[in-house]
Protein backbone atom coordinates (compact mmCIF):
# COMPACT_ATOMS: atom_id res chain seq x y z
CA MET A 1 15.79 -5.51 7.97
CA THR A 2 13.66 -3.20 5.85
CA LYS A 3 9.97 -4.11 5.84
CA ILE A 4 8.49 -3.68 2.38
CA ILE A 5 4.70 -3.48 2.61
CA ALA A 6 2.54 -3.63 -0.52
CA ILE A 7 -1.02 -2.34 -0.16
CA SER A 8 -3.24 -3.97 -2.73
CA ASN A 9 -6.78 -4.86 -3.75
CA GLU A 10 -7.90 -5.73 -7.25
CA LYS A 11 -10.97 -3.51 -6.81
CA GLY A 12 -10.85 0.27 -6.54
CA GLY A 13 -12.67 2.29 -3.90
CA THR A 14 -11.31 0.34 -0.94
CA GLY A 15 -9.30 3.19 0.63
CA LYS A 16 -6.00 1.70 -0.52
CA THR A 17 -4.18 4.96 -1.30
CA THR A 18 -5.43 6.75 1.81
CA THR A 19 -4.08 3.90 3.91
CA ALA A 20 -0.72 3.94 2.11
CA VAL A 21 -0.25 7.69 2.60
CA ASN A 22 -1.36 7.79 6.24
CA LEU A 23 0.47 4.64 7.27
CA ALA A 24 3.67 6.12 5.83
CA ALA A 25 3.08 9.38 7.69
CA VAL A 26 2.41 7.61 11.02
CA PHE A 27 5.54 5.46 10.71
CA HIS A 28 7.47 8.65 9.93
CA ASN A 29 5.97 10.33 13.02
CA PHE A 30 7.10 7.33 15.08
CA GLY A 31 10.69 8.19 14.09
CA ASN A 32 11.16 5.61 11.34
CA ARG A 33 12.82 6.19 7.98
CA VAL A 34 9.97 5.68 5.52
CA LEU A 35 9.73 5.53 1.73
CA LEU A 36 6.37 5.58 -0.07
CA ILE A 37 6.33 4.29 -3.66
CA ASP A 38 3.36 5.25 -5.81
CA SER A 39 3.04 2.48 -8.40
CA ASP A 40 -0.42 3.51 -9.63
CA PRO A 41 -0.61 5.44 -12.95
CA GLN A 42 -3.54 7.41 -11.47
CA MET A 43 -0.91 9.07 -9.21
CA ASN A 44 -3.28 9.60 -6.26
CA ALA A 45 -0.66 8.97 -3.58
CA THR A 46 1.70 11.35 -5.37
CA SER A 47 -0.87 14.15 -5.53
CA SER A 48 -1.92 13.48 -1.93
CA LEU A 49 1.56 14.62 -0.89
CA GLY A 50 1.49 17.72 -3.09
CA CYS A 51 3.60 16.38 -5.98
CA ASN A 52 2.61 16.02 -9.62
CA GLY A 53 5.07 13.43 -10.95
CA ARG A 54 5.80 15.49 -14.06
CA ASN A 55 8.87 17.49 -13.17
CA GLU A 56 10.59 14.90 -10.99
CA ASN A 57 12.34 11.62 -11.65
CA ASN A 58 9.67 9.04 -10.94
CA TYR A 59 8.79 5.38 -10.65
CA ALA A 60 8.50 4.93 -14.41
CA ASP A 61 12.13 6.07 -14.75
CA LEU A 62 13.16 3.51 -12.12
CA LEU A 63 11.30 0.66 -13.85
CA ASN A 64 12.68 1.66 -17.25
CA ASP A 65 16.20 1.64 -15.73
CA THR A 66 16.88 5.20 -16.90
CA LYS A 67 17.35 6.44 -13.31
CA ASP A 68 18.52 4.62 -10.22
CA ALA A 69 16.32 4.43 -7.13
CA ARG A 70 18.02 7.24 -5.19
CA GLN A 71 17.63 9.63 -8.12
CA CYS A 72 13.87 9.08 -7.98
CA VAL A 73 13.39 9.82 -4.25
CA LEU A 74 11.72 13.08 -3.25
CA HIS A 75 11.84 14.33 0.34
CA THR A 76 8.51 15.55 1.73
CA ASP A 77 7.44 16.70 5.18
CA TYR A 78 5.59 13.42 5.71
CA CYS A 79 7.92 10.73 4.30
CA ASP A 80 10.21 10.14 1.34
CA LEU A 81 8.40 9.49 -1.93
CA ILE A 82 9.06 7.91 -5.29
CA PRO A 83 6.27 9.54 -7.29
CA ALA A 84 4.14 7.90 -9.94
CA SER A 85 3.86 8.99 -13.55
CA ALA A 86 1.30 8.66 -16.33
CA ARG A 87 4.11 6.80 -18.15
CA LEU A 88 3.75 3.86 -15.76
CA GLY A 89 1.28 2.26 -18.14
CA VAL A 90 3.98 2.05 -20.81
CA ALA A 91 6.56 0.83 -18.29
CA GLU A 92 4.15 -1.92 -17.21
CA LYS A 93 3.75 -3.16 -20.78
CA ILE A 94 7.54 -3.27 -21.24
CA LEU A 95 8.05 -5.22 -18.01
CA ALA A 96 5.26 -7.63 -18.98
CA SER A 97 6.79 -8.22 -22.41
CA GLN A 98 10.15 -8.95 -20.77
CA GLY A 99 8.64 -11.09 -18.01
CA ASN A 100 10.66 -8.99 -15.57
CA HIS A 101 9.13 -9.48 -12.12
CA TYR A 102 12.26 -8.43 -10.21
CA ARG A 103 12.92 -4.83 -11.28
CA LEU A 104 11.64 -3.24 -8.07
CA ALA A 105 13.29 -5.85 -5.84
CA GLU A 106 16.63 -5.22 -7.53
CA ALA A 107 16.27 -1.46 -7.20
CA LEU A 108 15.42 -1.65 -3.49
CA ASN A 109 18.62 -3.58 -2.82
CA PHE A 110 20.33 -0.19 -3.12
CA LEU A 111 17.91 1.57 -0.72
CA ASP A 112 18.61 -0.29 2.49
CA GLU A 113 18.53 2.79 4.75
CA TYR A 114 14.74 2.67 5.23
CA ASP A 115 12.88 0.98 8.05
CA TYR A 116 9.68 0.77 5.99
CA VAL A 117 8.97 0.91 2.27
CA ILE A 118 5.26 1.16 1.48
CA VAL A 119 4.08 0.46 -2.07
CA ASP A 120 0.67 1.78 -3.17
CA CYS A 121 -0.41 -0.69 -5.85
CA PRO A 122 -2.84 -0.04 -8.73
CA PRO A 123 -6.34 -1.56 -8.46
CA ARG A 124 -5.69 -4.50 -10.78
CA MET A 125 -3.41 -7.50 -10.99
CA ASP A 126 -0.75 -6.50 -13.53
CA GLU A 127 3.04 -6.43 -13.78
CA LEU A 128 3.27 -3.37 -11.51
CA VAL A 129 1.57 -5.38 -8.76
CA ARG A 130 3.65 -8.48 -9.52
CA ASN A 131 6.84 -6.42 -9.11
CA ALA A 132 5.56 -5.05 -5.80
CA PHE A 133 4.70 -8.52 -4.49
CA VAL A 134 8.06 -9.99 -5.52
CA ALA A 135 9.85 -7.19 -3.65
CA ALA A 136 7.57 -7.18 -0.58
CA THR A 137 7.88 -8.81 2.80
CA ASP A 138 4.23 -8.12 3.71
CA ILE A 139 0.91 -7.32 2.06
CA ILE A 140 -2.01 -5.37 3.47
CA ILE A 141 -5.35 -5.98 1.76
CA PRO A 142 -7.84 -3.15 2.40
CA MET A 143 -11.50 -4.13 2.20
CA SER A 144 -14.68 -2.07 2.00
CA THR A 145 -18.00 -3.47 3.12
CA SER A 146 -19.07 -4.59 -0.36
CA ALA A 147 -19.28 -7.84 -2.28
CA TYR A 148 -17.06 -6.36 -5.02
CA SER A 149 -14.32 -5.83 -2.46
CA MET A 150 -14.62 -9.51 -1.50
CA ASP A 151 -14.19 -10.50 -5.15
CA GLY A 152 -11.05 -8.36 -5.29
CA LEU A 153 -9.66 -10.17 -2.25
CA MET A 154 -9.71 -13.51 -4.02
CA GLN A 155 -7.98 -12.05 -7.10
CA VAL A 156 -5.21 -10.65 -4.90
CA TYR A 157 -4.83 -13.95 -3.04
CA SER A 158 -4.46 -15.86 -6.31
CA THR A 159 -1.57 -13.59 -7.32
CA ILE A 160 0.00 -13.84 -3.86
CA ARG A 161 -0.02 -17.64 -4.05
CA MET A 162 1.64 -17.57 -7.46
CA VAL A 163 4.37 -15.18 -6.26
CA GLN A 164 4.95 -17.26 -3.11
CA LYS A 165 5.33 -20.40 -5.20
CA TYR A 166 7.67 -19.08 -7.89
CA GLU A 167 9.47 -15.93 -6.73
CA ASN A 168 9.05 -14.88 -3.10
CA PRO A 169 8.32 -17.72 -0.66
CA GLY A 170 8.74 -15.40 2.34
CA LEU A 171 5.87 -13.12 1.29
CA ARG A 172 2.97 -13.06 3.71
CA ILE A 173 -0.34 -11.30 4.20
CA ASN A 174 0.16 -8.95 7.14
CA GLY A 175 -3.60 -8.54 7.54
CA LEU A 176 -7.01 -7.71 6.08
CA LEU A 177 -8.15 -4.15 6.78
CA CYS A 178 -11.77 -2.97 7.09
CA GLU A 179 -11.89 0.45 5.41
CA MET A 180 -14.66 3.07 5.31
CA PHE A 181 -16.17 1.26 8.28
CA ASP A 182 -19.45 2.33 9.86
CA ASP A 183 -19.97 0.18 12.94
CA ARG A 184 -23.54 1.42 13.28
CA THR A 185 -24.67 -0.71 10.32
CA ILE A 186 -25.65 -4.36 10.43
CA LEU A 187 -23.84 -4.95 7.11
CA ALA A 188 -20.51 -3.84 8.53
CA GLY A 189 -20.74 -6.36 11.34
CA GLU A 190 -21.70 -9.15 8.96
CA VAL A 191 -18.81 -8.35 6.62
CA LYS A 192 -16.33 -8.36 9.49
CA GLU A 193 -17.53 -11.83 10.51
CA ILE A 194 -17.11 -13.06 6.93
CA LEU A 195 -13.62 -11.54 6.76
CA ASN A 196 -12.59 -13.27 9.98
CA ASP A 197 -13.58 -16.61 8.45
CA ILE A 198 -11.68 -15.83 5.24
CA ALA A 199 -8.61 -14.65 7.16
CA LYS A 200 -8.31 -18.00 8.93
CA LYS A 201 -8.26 -19.78 5.57
CA LEU A 202 -5.57 -17.38 4.31
CA ASN A 203 -3.42 -17.88 7.41
CA THR A 204 -3.71 -14.23 8.40
CA GLN A 205 -5.95 -12.01 10.52
CA VAL A 206 -8.37 -9.11 10.27
CA TYR A 207 -6.82 -6.13 12.04
CA GLY A 208 -8.50 -5.20 15.31
CA THR A 209 -8.42 -1.64 13.99
CA ALA A 210 -11.01 -0.63 11.38
CA ILE A 211 -10.77 2.66 9.48
CA HIS A 212 -13.96 4.65 9.99
CA ARG A 213 -15.77 6.60 7.30
CA ILE A 214 -15.22 10.31 7.99
CA ILE A 215 -15.31 13.49 5.89
CA ARG A 216 -11.99 14.76 7.31
CA VAL A 217 -10.15 12.35 4.99
CA ASP A 218 -11.52 14.16 1.92
CA ALA A 219 -10.62 17.53 3.43
CA ALA A 220 -7.04 16.38 4.05
CA THR A 221 -6.71 15.01 0.50
CA HIS A 222 -7.89 18.38 -0.86
CA ARG A 223 -5.12 20.06 1.16
CA HIS A 224 -2.55 17.55 -0.19
CA MET A 225 -1.58 16.15 3.18
CA PRO A 226 -2.22 12.99 5.24
CA VAL A 227 -5.23 13.22 7.53
CA VAL A 228 -3.00 12.25 10.48
CA VAL A 229 -1.21 15.58 9.94
CA PHE A 230 -4.23 17.64 8.86
CA ASP A 231 -6.31 16.68 11.91
CA PRO A 232 -4.30 14.43 14.26
CA LYS A 233 -7.11 14.31 16.86
CA CYS A 234 -9.92 13.08 14.62
CA THR A 235 -11.24 9.51 14.80
CA VAL A 236 -9.64 8.31 11.59
CA SER A 237 -6.21 9.64 12.63
CA LYS A 238 -6.43 7.55 15.78
CA ASP A 239 -7.46 4.60 13.60
CA TYR A 240 -4.35 4.94 11.44
CA THR A 241 -2.09 5.32 14.48
CA ASP A 242 -3.51 2.13 15.99
CA LEU A 243 -3.24 0.36 12.63
CA ALA A 244 0.45 1.27 12.29
CA MET A 245 1.19 -0.39 15.63
CA GLU A 246 -0.65 -3.55 14.54
CA VAL A 247 1.11 -3.66 11.17
CA ALA A 248 4.52 -3.18 12.80
CA TYR A 249 3.83 -5.94 15.31
CA HIS A 250 2.83 -8.46 12.62
CA ALA A 251 5.64 -7.37 10.27
CA HIS A 252 8.28 -8.06 12.91
CA SER A 253 6.76 -11.22 14.34
CA VAL A 254 8.27 -14.59 13.53
CA HIS A 255 6.90 -16.29 10.41
């Protein structure tokens, strides 16, 4: 069964896109068939893989039902990709006006050859996120060590509960992820303790792996490649490799 993993936080600056891109690349390196869907109109995941979303069929075309899912897939060296487009904002408004929460789920029914589909969600709770949650089996919520990130967590959880109740009862939170982590600070330790308490209430866990703050991530993004490919021996590459194993374990465990 394909595992469809949405990566979401209502607040920006939590490392969401970096996690989506590198998790996809690690799963690909493990020998899995992986599709990354960029559902954010800012197109950061798309550009991180060296694409621009202008000359290709893209996610907006899929949502508007002008192209089928396979027509929108690009093959990259790191994973397959359905790129984003600046037109996603218009597509979101159309979906919202129609109340169509199932467009992505329906489209993915025809892409059953993948082991993992990873959806990079925009930093807000809109119809693009709702479509991702309705289609998903699992959600990863990246967190930075800030109060704003905590606020975003509760917004995401509210949407998850609504989707579980009305559209996708099998949806679950795979885990909470500490991003941009600096274990030398007192604040980081305090935040991790708070997250552990919150995770228990949400019937999930904080991953044992935290993603460290390191400049190599910015260098890799500038080169339009995942950091796990750009510098596979650096600390953050090891973090993402360890994270992928945790995510896979929880994704395939019994509900």
